[in-house]
């Protein structure tokens, strides 16, 4: 239960940190705001196991699933063909699986 709470708080926090500046500076460009906010949600969801590692038993699985979903959502947002959405899902899964290596280098805007 603690892991879910940490994931939600982290996702919401990163979504605000990424989406709010985009909302302020690009008001009216809703697709851009949605993509930037979803990137914030993805970053927060993937960063949650790195923020509080003791709360997650299988952190790599949480990060992998987060990557798969984010890849699928990004592929769907760009209205790609099913094959391209599938490749996007696989690429997102790889990015999620490799998250322990790159999350520590993400700078918050």
Protein backbone atom coordinates (compact mmCIF):
# COMPACT_ATOMS: atom_id res chain seq x y z
CA UNK A 1 0.00 0.00 0.00
CA UNK A 2 2.89 2.32 0.78
CA UNK A 3 4.38 1.70 -2.67
CA UNK A 4 1.13 2.71 -4.38
CA UNK A 5 0.93 5.89 -2.33
CA UNK A 6 4.53 6.81 -3.10
CA UNK A 7 4.00 6.11 -6.82
CA UNK A 8 0.89 8.29 -6.97
CA UNK A 9 2.46 11.17 -5.05
CA UNK A 10 5.61 11.01 -7.17
CA UNK A 11 3.64 10.84 -10.43
CA UNK A 12 1.38 13.72 -9.45
CA UNK A 13 4.31 15.83 -8.29
CA UNK A 14 6.35 15.29 -11.43
CA UNK A 15 3.27 15.88 -13.61
CA UNK A 16 2.79 19.25 -11.92
CA UNK A 17 6.48 20.13 -12.21
CA UNK A 18 6.54 19.26 -15.91
CA UNK A 19 3.02 20.30 -16.91
CA UNK A 20 2.58 23.60 -15.11
CA UNK A 21 5.35 25.50 -16.95
CA UNK A 22 4.04 24.10 -20.23
CA UNK A 23 0.55 25.26 -19.32
CA UNK A 24 1.80 28.73 -18.48
CA UNK A 25 4.00 29.24 -21.53
CA UNK A 26 2.10 27.22 -24.17
CA UNK A 27 -1.52 27.77 -23.16
CA UNK A 28 -3.82 26.53 -25.91
CA UNK A 29 -1.42 23.95 -27.33
CA UNK A 30 -3.24 21.11 -25.58
CA UNK A 31 -1.43 18.25 -27.28
CA UNK A 32 1.93 19.61 -26.13
CA UNK A 33 0.63 20.13 -22.59
CA UNK A 34 -0.75 16.58 -22.52
CA UNK A 35 2.50 15.06 -23.79
CA UNK A 36 4.65 17.02 -21.33
CA UNK A 37 2.32 16.17 -18.43
CA UNK A 38 2.31 12.47 -19.36
CA UNK A 39 6.09 12.59 -19.53
CA UNK A 40 6.01 13.98 -15.99
CA UNK A 41 3.67 11.20 -14.85
CA UNK A 42 5.95 8.60 -16.44
CA UNK A 43 9.07 10.12 -14.89
CA UNK A 44 7.42 10.26 -11.47
CA UNK A 45 6.15 6.69 -11.71
CA UNK A 46 9.55 5.40 -12.78
CA UNK A 47 11.42 7.53 -10.24
CA UNK A 48 9.28 6.41 -7.29
CA UNK A 49 11.27 3.20 -6.64
CA UNK A 50 14.47 5.25 -6.75
CA UNK A 51 13.07 7.81 -4.29
CA UNK A 52 11.91 5.23 -1.71
CA UNK A 53 13.57 1.90 -2.57
CA UNK A 54 12.54 0.09 0.63
CA UNK A 55 8.83 0.40 -0.21
CA UNK A 56 9.14 -1.57 -3.47
CA UNK A 57 9.86 -5.29 -3.50
CA UNK A 58 10.09 -5.52 -7.28
CA UNK A 59 11.12 -2.04 -8.37
CA UNK A 60 12.28 -3.21 -11.78
CA UNK A 61 8.79 -4.58 -12.53
CA UNK A 62 7.11 -1.30 -11.56
CA UNK A 63 9.50 0.61 -13.78
CA UNK A 64 9.06 -1.83 -16.65
CA UNK A 65 5.26 -1.63 -16.52
CA UNK A 66 5.43 2.16 -16.31
CA UNK A 67 7.60 2.20 -19.42
CA UNK A 68 5.25 -0.13 -21.31
CA UNK A 69 2.22 2.01 -20.53
CA UNK A 70 3.95 5.28 -21.33
CA UNK A 71 5.20 3.92 -24.64
CA UNK A 72 1.70 2.79 -25.54
CA UNK A 73 0.16 6.11 -24.58
CA UNK A 74 2.72 8.12 -26.54
CA UNK A 75 2.24 5.87 -29.58
CA UNK A 76 -1.52 6.26 -29.31
CA UNK A 77 -1.29 10.05 -28.89
CA UNK A 78 0.61 10.36 -32.15
CA UNK A 79 -2.11 8.27 -33.85
CA UNK A 80 0.33 5.74 -35.17
CA UNK A 81 -0.43 2.45 -36.85
CA UNK A 82 -0.72 -0.65 -34.62
CA UNK A 83 2.78 -1.76 -35.60
CA UNK A 84 4.27 1.58 -34.60
CA UNK A 85 2.34 1.55 -31.34
CA UNK A 86 3.77 -1.93 -30.65
CA UNK A 87 7.31 -0.70 -31.29
CA UNK A 88 6.59 2.29 -29.07
CA UNK A 89 5.44 -0.05 -26.28
CA UNK A 90 8.61 -2.13 -26.59
CA UNK A 91 10.82 0.99 -26.60
CA UNK A 92 8.97 2.33 -23.56
CA UNK A 93 9.50 -0.98 -21.80
CA UNK A 94 13.22 -0.84 -22.50
CA UNK A 95 13.40 2.73 -21.18
CA UNK A 96 11.49 1.65 -18.06
CA UNK A 97 13.71 -1.38 -17.56
CA UNK A 98 16.84 0.79 -17.81
CA UNK A 99 15.38 3.42 -15.46
CA UNK A 100 17.71 2.70 -12.52
CA UNK A 101 20.60 3.89 -14.70
CA UNK A 102 19.11 7.14 -16.03
CA UNK A 103 16.65 8.37 -13.36
CA UNK A 104 19.41 9.78 -11.17
CA UNK A 105 20.44 12.08 -14.05
CA UNK A 106 16.99 13.65 -14.66
CA UNK A 107 16.93 17.29 -13.68
CA UNK A 108 13.65 18.73 -12.49
CA UNK A 109 12.67 21.85 -14.46
